[in-house]
């Protein structure tokens, strides 16, 4: 009866840990691994539960079902990026967009499953996470980029004709593509996106962006 009562009152996605083993996080980790590789219908609740080492009933217990688990696994990572972007937007400093770009690149490097999950479940027509991603980008990313572009244009650091919409596309593309193309980059260029290369890539890409979008005060 105690267990039944707990299940009735627990909201989907609420954190829980028993005996040192975090069942909820184990399910999220397993879902991220599987959903980054396979289509939604190819990933059964049993497959996720087996990978997590838990009973399949725990998926409904924590997330309300497989769809809820997919959304939570994606949304919690995106929420961290959006929250950090909110901090970046009020942090001042030179232009600011370079730091946003660095944040995206480091987030993709720290969560290699994220760009793959976007490829599987966000970008395709009718992708299950497309609506959620669109909501997050339209409310948490695009306004920050617009604000930073406007700030840079007012301060004279960015070219006045810069289009915030195209700037958003450029920043996101620069941050995500290398992690989608990792096998190709390794085969063609012989590069591994390890910590040192990611740091160098952040610096290189930020400098390239600034030289393209910034105002040359020496001219």
C-alpha atoms as a PDB file:
ATOM      1  CA  UNK A   1       0.000   0.000   0.000  1.00  0.00           C
ATOM      2  CA  UNK A   2       2.851   2.366   0.761  1.00  0.00           C
ATOM      3  CA  UNK A   3       4.386   1.846  -2.670  1.00  0.00           C
ATOM      4  CA  UNK A   4       1.036   2.297  -4.374  1.00  0.00           C
ATOM      5  CA  UNK A   5       0.427   5.525  -2.523  1.00  0.00           C
ATOM      6  CA  UNK A   6       3.831   6.882  -3.544  1.00  0.00           C
ATOM      7  CA  UNK A   7       3.222   6.031  -7.170  1.00  0.00           C
ATOM      8  CA  UNK A   8      -0.131   7.796  -7.188  1.00  0.00           C
ATOM      9  CA  UNK A   9       1.284  11.036  -5.799  1.00  0.00           C
ATOM     10  CA  UNK A  10       4.582  11.213  -7.677  1.00  0.00           C
ATOM     11  CA  UNK A  11       4.591  13.538 -10.685  1.00  0.00           C
ATOM     12  CA  UNK A  12       6.228  12.318 -13.914  1.00  0.00           C
ATOM     13  CA  UNK A  13       9.881  13.260 -14.016  1.00  0.00           C
ATOM     14  CA  UNK A  14      10.293  13.974 -10.323  1.00  0.00           C
ATOM     15  CA  UNK A  15      13.838  13.064  -9.144  1.00  0.00           C
ATOM     16  CA  UNK A  16      14.257  10.016  -6.944  1.00  0.00           C
ATOM     17  CA  UNK A  17      17.099   7.926  -5.568  1.00  0.00           C
ATOM     18  CA  UNK A  18      16.871   4.768  -3.513  1.00  0.00           C
ATOM     19  CA  UNK A  19      19.759   2.972  -1.840  1.00  0.00           C
ATOM     20  CA  UNK A  20      22.363   5.041  -3.666  1.00  0.00           C
ATOM     21  CA  UNK A  21      21.016   4.114  -7.125  1.00  0.00           C
ATOM     22  CA  UNK A  22      19.186   6.883  -8.944  1.00  0.00           C
ATOM     23  CA  UNK A  23      16.578   5.042 -10.985  1.00  0.00           C
ATOM     24  CA  UNK A  24      15.316   8.181 -12.667  1.00  0.00           C
ATOM     25  CA  UNK A  25      18.762   9.293 -13.827  1.00  0.00           C
ATOM     26  CA  UNK A  26      19.634   5.791 -14.986  1.00  0.00           C
ATOM     27  CA  UNK A  27      16.549   5.834 -17.208  1.00  0.00           C
ATOM     28  CA  UNK A  28      17.415   9.279 -18.563  1.00  0.00           C
ATOM     29  CA  UNK A  29      20.976   8.200 -19.347  1.00  0.00           C
ATOM     30  CA  UNK A  30      19.762   5.040 -21.097  1.00  0.00           C
ATOM     31  CA  UNK A  31      17.133   6.990 -23.049  1.00  0.00           C
ATOM     32  CA  UNK A  32      19.671   9.555 -24.225  1.00  0.00           C
ATOM     33  CA  UNK A  33      21.973   6.813 -25.463  1.00  0.00           C
ATOM     34  CA  UNK A  34      19.244   4.888 -27.288  1.00  0.00           C
ATOM     35  CA  UNK A  35      17.186   7.793 -28.644  1.00  0.00           C
ATOM     36  CA  UNK A  36      20.330   9.396 -30.054  1.00  0.00           C
ATOM     37  CA  UNK A  37      20.859   6.321 -32.221  1.00  0.00           C
ATOM     38  CA  UNK A  38      17.399   5.024 -33.072  1.00  0.00           C
ATOM     39  CA  UNK A  39      13.968   6.221 -34.162  1.00  0.00           C
ATOM     40  CA  UNK A  40      11.245   6.484 -31.534  1.00  0.00           C
ATOM     41  CA  UNK A  41       9.428   3.308 -32.544  1.00  0.00           C
ATOM     42  CA  UNK A  42      12.665   1.316 -32.513  1.00  0.00           C
ATOM     43  CA  UNK A  43      13.202   1.990 -28.810  1.00  0.00           C
ATOM     44  CA  UNK A  44      10.837  -0.002 -26.593  1.00  0.00           C
ATOM     45  CA  UNK A  45      10.293   0.659 -22.907  1.00  0.00           C
ATOM     46  CA  UNK A  46      11.791  -2.770 -22.200  1.00  0.00           C
ATOM     47  CA  UNK A  47      14.901  -1.881 -24.166  1.00  0.00           C
ATOM     48  CA  UNK A  48      15.348   1.324 -22.185  1.00  0.00           C
ATOM     49  CA  UNK A  49      14.677  -0.385 -18.858  1.00  0.00           C
ATOM     50  CA  UNK A  50      17.108  -3.207 -19.657  1.00  0.00           C
ATOM     51  CA  UNK A  51      19.815  -0.688 -20.536  1.00  0.00           C
ATOM     52  CA  UNK A  52      19.136   1.167 -17.269  1.00  0.00           C
ATOM     53  CA  UNK A  53      18.960  -2.032 -15.225  1.00  0.00           C
ATOM     54  CA  UNK A  54      15.493  -1.328 -13.843  1.00  0.00           C
ATOM     55  CA  UNK A  55      11.929  -2.574 -14.142  1.00  0.00           C
ATOM     56  CA  UNK A  56      10.053  -1.173 -17.197  1.00  0.00           C
ATOM     57  CA  UNK A  57       7.274  -0.024 -14.847  1.00  0.00           C
ATOM     58  CA  UNK A  58       9.667   2.636 -13.554  1.00  0.00           C
ATOM     59  CA  UNK A  59       9.321   4.532 -16.840  1.00  0.00           C
ATOM     60  CA  UNK A  60       5.647   5.170 -16.222  1.00  0.00           C
ATOM     61  CA  UNK A  61       6.319   5.769 -12.520  1.00  0.00           C
ATOM     62  CA  UNK A  62       8.826   8.560 -13.129  1.00  0.00           C
ATOM     63  CA  UNK A  63       7.848   9.972 -16.545  1.00  0.00           C
ATOM     64  CA  UNK A  64       4.310   8.870 -17.367  1.00  0.00           C
ATOM     65  CA  UNK A  65       5.530   6.747 -20.289  1.00  0.00           C
ATOM     66  CA  UNK A  66       8.115   6.545 -23.048  1.00  0.00           C
ATOM     67  CA  UNK A  67       7.104   9.864 -24.630  1.00  0.00           C
ATOM     68  CA  UNK A  68       7.518  11.650 -21.301  1.00  0.00           C
ATOM     69  CA  UNK A  69      10.942  10.099 -20.811  1.00  0.00           C
ATOM     70  CA  UNK A  70      12.092  11.208 -24.271  1.00  0.00           C
ATOM     71  CA  UNK A  71      10.949  14.769 -23.645  1.00  0.00           C
ATOM     72  CA  UNK A  72      12.522  14.914 -20.175  1.00  0.00           C
ATOM     73  CA  UNK A  73      15.833  13.485 -21.394  1.00  0.00           C
ATOM     74  CA  UNK A  74      16.020  16.185 -24.053  1.00  0.00           C
ATOM     75  CA  UNK A  75      14.474  19.065 -22.161  1.00  0.00           C
ATOM     76  CA  UNK A  76      16.658  18.902 -19.056  1.00  0.00           C
ATOM     77  CA  UNK A  77      19.805  19.350 -21.149  1.00  0.00           C
ATOM     78  CA  UNK A  78      18.294  22.167 -23.232  1.00  0.00           C
ATOM     79  CA  UNK A  79      17.062  23.881 -20.066  1.00  0.00           C
ATOM     80  CA  UNK A  80      20.632  24.105 -18.752  1.00  0.00           C
ATOM     81  CA  UNK A  81      21.759  25.814 -21.970  1.00  0.00           C
ATOM     82  CA  UNK A  82      18.798  28.201 -21.978  1.00  0.00           C
ATOM     83  CA  UNK A  83      19.330  29.093 -18.312  1.00  0.00           C
ATOM     84  CA  UNK A  84      23.006  29.804 -18.974  1.00  0.00           C
ATOM     85  CA  UNK A  85      22.047  31.931 -21.985  1.00  0.00           C
ATOM     86  CA  UNK A  86      19.868  34.016 -19.698  1.00  0.00           C
ATOM     87  CA  UNK A  87      22.924  34.657 -17.547  1.00  0.00           C
ATOM     88  CA  UNK A  88      25.047  35.467 -20.591  1.00  0.00           C
ATOM     89  CA  UNK A  89      22.520  38.019 -21.821  1.00  0.00           C
ATOM     90  CA  UNK A  90      22.898  40.138 -18.681  1.00  0.00           C
ATOM     91  CA  UNK A  91      26.617  39.570 -18.150  1.00  0.00           C
ATOM     92  CA  UNK A  92      27.918  42.501 -20.214  1.00  0.00           C
ATOM     93  CA  UNK A  93      31.388  42.218 -21.698  1.00  0.00           C
ATOM     94  CA  UNK A  94      32.624  42.487 -25.275  1.00  0.00           C
ATOM     95  CA  UNK A  95      29.828  41.733 -27.762  1.00  0.00           C
ATOM     96  CA  UNK A  96      28.667  38.655 -25.839  1.00  0.00           C
ATOM     97  CA  UNK A  97      27.820  36.511 -28.847  1.00  0.00           C
ATOM     98  CA  UNK A  98      31.241  34.861 -28.760  1.00  0.00           C
ATOM     99  CA  UNK A  99      30.489  33.599 -25.264  1.00  0.00           C
ATOM    100  CA  UNK A 100      27.126  32.288 -26.412  1.00  0.00           C
ATOM    101  CA  UNK A 101      28.864  30.431 -29.232  1.00  0.00           C
ATOM    102  CA  UNK A 102      31.383  28.993 -26.783  1.00  0.00           C
ATOM    103  CA  UNK A 103      28.572  27.879 -24.490  1.00  0.00           C
ATOM    104  CA  UNK A 104      26.852  25.992 -27.306  1.00  0.00           C
ATOM    105  CA  UNK A 105      30.033  24.306 -28.488  1.00  0.00           C
ATOM    106  CA  UNK A 106      31.019  23.184 -24.999  1.00  0.00           C
ATOM    107  CA  UNK A 107      27.476  21.939 -24.333  1.00  0.00           C
ATOM    108  CA  UNK A 108      27.536  19.823 -27.485  1.00  0.00           C
ATOM    109  CA  UNK A 109      30.958  18.451 -26.522  1.00  0.00           C
ATOM    110  CA  UNK A 110      29.822  17.594 -22.985  1.00  0.00           C
ATOM    111  CA  UNK A 111      26.618  15.951 -24.251  1.00  0.00           C
ATOM    112  CA  UNK A 112      27.542  14.114 -27.475  1.00  0.00           C
ATOM    113  CA  UNK A 113      24.123  12.449 -27.547  1.00  0.00           C
ATOM    114  CA  UNK A 114      22.345  15.837 -27.824  1.00  0.00           C
ATOM    115  CA  UNK A 115      23.086  16.758 -31.469  1.00  0.00           C
ATOM    116  CA  UNK A 116      22.386  13.147 -32.467  1.00  0.00           C
ATOM    117  CA  UNK A 117      19.040  13.224 -30.664  1.00  0.00           C
ATOM    118  CA  UNK A 118      18.217  16.475 -32.444  1.00  0.00           C
ATOM    119  CA  UNK A 119      18.993  14.794 -35.763  1.00  0.00           C
ATOM    120  CA  UNK A 120      16.691  11.893 -34.900  1.00  0.00           C
ATOM    121  CA  UNK A 121      13.777  13.624 -33.171  1.00  0.00           C
ATOM    122  CA  UNK A 122      13.899  17.412 -33.788  1.00  0.00           C
ATOM    123  CA  UNK A 123      14.970  18.095 -37.367  1.00  0.00           C
ATOM    124  CA  UNK A 124      12.853  15.561 -39.339  1.00  0.00           C
ATOM    125  CA  UNK A 125       9.417  16.643 -40.512  1.00  0.00           C
ATOM    126  CA  UNK A 126       7.013  15.818 -37.699  1.00  0.00           C
ATOM    127  CA  UNK A 127       9.825  15.060 -35.242  1.00  0.00           C
ATOM    128  CA  UNK A 128       8.507  14.243 -31.778  1.00  0.00           C
ATOM    129  CA  UNK A 129      10.684  16.865 -30.110  1.00  0.00           C
ATOM    130  CA  UNK A 130      10.298  19.527 -32.772  1.00  0.00           C
ATOM    131  CA  UNK A 131       7.566  21.439 -30.959  1.00  0.00           C
ATOM    132  CA  UNK A 132       9.432  21.424 -27.678  1.00  0.00           C
ATOM    133  CA  UNK A 133      12.686  22.484 -29.323  1.00  0.00           C
ATOM    134  CA  UNK A 134      10.901  25.267 -31.216  1.00  0.00           C
ATOM    135  CA  UNK A 135       9.395  26.536 -27.969  1.00  0.00           C
ATOM    136  CA  UNK A 136      12.749  26.519 -26.214  1.00  0.00           C
ATOM    137  CA  UNK A 137      14.538  28.272 -29.085  1.00  0.00           C
ATOM    138  CA  UNK A 138      11.825  30.871 -29.657  1.00  0.00           C
ATOM    139  CA  UNK A 139      11.534  31.793 -25.978  1.00  0.00           C
ATOM    140  CA  UNK A 140      15.023  31.133 -24.623  1.00  0.00           C
ATOM    141  CA  UNK A 141      17.560  31.393 -27.439  1.00  0.00           C
ATOM    142  CA  UNK A 142      16.320  33.707 -30.186  1.00  0.00           C
ATOM    143  CA  UNK A 143      15.462  36.615 -27.822  1.00  0.00           C
ATOM    144  CA  UNK A 144      18.925  36.436 -26.243  1.00  0.00           C
ATOM    145  CA  UNK A 145      20.648  36.482 -29.633  1.00  0.00           C
ATOM    146  CA  UNK A 146      18.473  39.394 -30.794  1.00  0.00           C
ATOM    147  CA  UNK A 147      19.318  41.327 -27.634  1.00  0.00           C
ATOM    148  CA  UNK A 148      23.046  40.672 -27.967  1.00  0.00           C
ATOM    149  CA  UNK A 149      23.048  41.626 -31.653  1.00  0.00           C
ATOM    150  CA  UNK A 150      21.171  44.852 -30.875  1.00  0.00           C
ATOM    151  CA  UNK A 151      23.563  45.615 -28.020  1.00  0.00           C
ATOM    152  CA  UNK A 152      26.573  45.020 -30.244  1.00  0.00           C
ATOM    153  CA  UNK A 153      25.153  47.211 -32.990  1.00  0.00           C
ATOM    154  CA  UNK A 154      24.403  50.063 -30.588  1.00  0.00           C
ATOM    155  CA  UNK A 155      27.895  49.848 -29.086  1.00  0.00           C
ATOM    156  CA  UNK A 156      29.462  49.797 -32.537  1.00  0.00           C
ATOM    157  CA  UNK A 157      31.011  46.340 -32.082  1.00  0.00           C
ATOM    158  CA  UNK A 158      28.763  44.637 -34.653  1.00  0.00           C
ATOM    159  CA  UNK A 159      27.914  45.654 -38.189  1.00  0.00           C
ATOM    160  CA  UNK A 160      24.635  47.609 -38.265  1.00  0.00           C
ATOM    161  CA  UNK A 161      23.204  45.558 -41.145  1.00  0.00           C
ATOM    162  CA  UNK A 162      23.577  42.250 -39.277  1.00  0.00           C
ATOM    163  CA  UNK A 163      20.328  40.224 -39.353  1.00  0.00           C
ATOM    164  CA  UNK A 164      19.583  38.659 -35.923  1.00  0.00           C
ATOM    165  CA  UNK A 165      17.693  35.766 -37.551  1.00  0.00           C
ATOM    166  CA  UNK A 166      20.609  34.816 -39.778  1.00  0.00           C
ATOM    167  CA  UNK A 167      22.991  35.314 -36.868  1.00  0.00           C
ATOM    168  CA  UNK A 168      21.002  32.772 -34.846  1.00  0.00           C
ATOM    169  CA  UNK A 169      21.214  30.273 -37.710  1.00  0.00           C
ATOM    170  CA  UNK A 170      24.949  30.832 -38.063  1.00  0.00           C
ATOM    171  CA  UNK A 171      25.687  30.437 -34.357  1.00  0.00           C
ATOM    172  CA  UNK A 172      23.652  27.261 -33.954  1.00  0.00           C
ATOM    173  CA  UNK A 173      25.061  25.748 -37.154  1.00  0.00           C
ATOM    174  CA  UNK A 174      28.657  26.458 -36.144  1.00  0.00           C
ATOM    175  CA  UNK A 175      28.083  24.881 -32.746  1.00  0.00           C
ATOM    176  CA  UNK A 176      26.250  21.725 -33.809  1.00  0.00           C
ATOM    177  CA  UNK A 177      27.677  20.613 -37.156  1.00  0.00           C
ATOM    178  CA  UNK A 178      31.121  19.391 -35.985  1.00  0.00           C
ATOM    179  CA  UNK A 179      29.479  17.055 -33.484  1.00  0.00           C
ATOM    180  CA  UNK A 180      27.065  15.660 -36.062  1.00  0.00           C
ATOM    181  CA  UNK A 181      29.956  15.083 -38.450  1.00  0.00           C
ATOM    182  CA  UNK A 182      32.462  13.603 -35.969  1.00  0.00           C
ATOM    183  CA  UNK A 183      33.053  10.323 -37.878  1.00  0.00           C
ATOM    184  CA  UNK A 184      33.525  12.218 -41.156  1.00  0.00           C
ATOM    185  CA  UNK A 185      35.867  14.770 -39.603  1.00  0.00           C
ATOM    186  CA  UNK A 186      37.986  12.013 -38.118  1.00  0.00           C
ATOM    187  CA  UNK A 187      38.161  10.172 -41.441  1.00  0.00           C
ATOM    188  CA  UNK A 188      38.798  13.202 -43.656  1.00  0.00           C
ATOM    189  CA  UNK A 189      40.807  15.499 -41.366  1.00  0.00           C
ATOM    190  CA  UNK A 190      42.119  13.029 -38.829  1.00  0.00           C
ATOM    191  CA  UNK A 191      40.795  15.066 -35.895  1.00  0.00           C
ATOM    192  CA  UNK A 192      39.334  13.943 -32.590  1.00  0.00           C
ATOM    193  CA  UNK A 193      37.020  16.351 -30.795  1.00  0.00           C
ATOM    194  CA  UNK A 194      38.803  15.948 -27.488  1.00  0.00           C
ATOM    195  CA  UNK A 195      38.978  18.612 -24.780  1.00  0.00           C
ATOM    196  CA  UNK A 196      41.999  20.369 -26.267  1.00  0.00           C
ATOM    197  CA  UNK A 197      40.547  20.522 -29.761  1.00  0.00           C
ATOM    198  CA  UNK A 198      37.167  21.731 -28.487  1.00  0.00           C
ATOM    199  CA  UNK A 199      38.906  24.582 -26.634  1.00  0.00           C
ATOM    200  CA  UNK A 200      40.850  25.493 -29.771  1.00  0.00           C
ATOM    201  CA  UNK A 201      37.670  25.255 -31.869  1.00  0.00           C
ATOM    202  CA  UNK A 202      35.830  27.631 -29.525  1.00  0.00           C
ATOM    203  CA  UNK A 203      38.617  30.184 -29.812  1.00  0.00           C
ATOM    204  CA  UNK A 204      38.950  29.773 -33.589  1.00  0.00           C
ATOM    205  CA  UNK A 205      35.218  29.955 -34.298  1.00  0.00           C
ATOM    206  CA  UNK A 206      34.678  32.925 -31.978  1.00  0.00           C
ATOM    207  CA  UNK A 207      37.489  34.841 -33.683  1.00  0.00           C
ATOM    208  CA  UNK A 208      36.150  33.964 -37.123  1.00  0.00           C
ATOM    209  CA  UNK A 209      32.637  35.051 -36.153  1.00  0.00           C
ATOM    210  CA  UNK A 210      33.842  38.329 -34.672  1.00  0.00           C
ATOM    211  CA  UNK A 211      35.907  39.166 -37.748  1.00  0.00           C
ATOM    212  CA  UNK A 212      32.940  38.456 -39.992  1.00  0.00           C
ATOM    213  CA  UNK A 213      30.217  40.130 -37.940  1.00  0.00           C
ATOM    214  CA  UNK A 214      32.222  42.777 -36.135  1.00  0.00           C
ATOM    215  CA  UNK A 215      33.137  46.281 -37.156  1.00  0.00           C
ATOM    216  CA  UNK A 216      36.754  46.841 -38.179  1.00  0.00           C
ATOM    217  CA  UNK A 217      37.591  49.978 -36.207  1.00  0.00           C
ATOM    218  CA  UNK A 218      41.019  50.140 -37.838  1.00  0.00           C
ATOM    219  CA  UNK A 219      39.511  50.577 -41.298  1.00  0.00           C
END
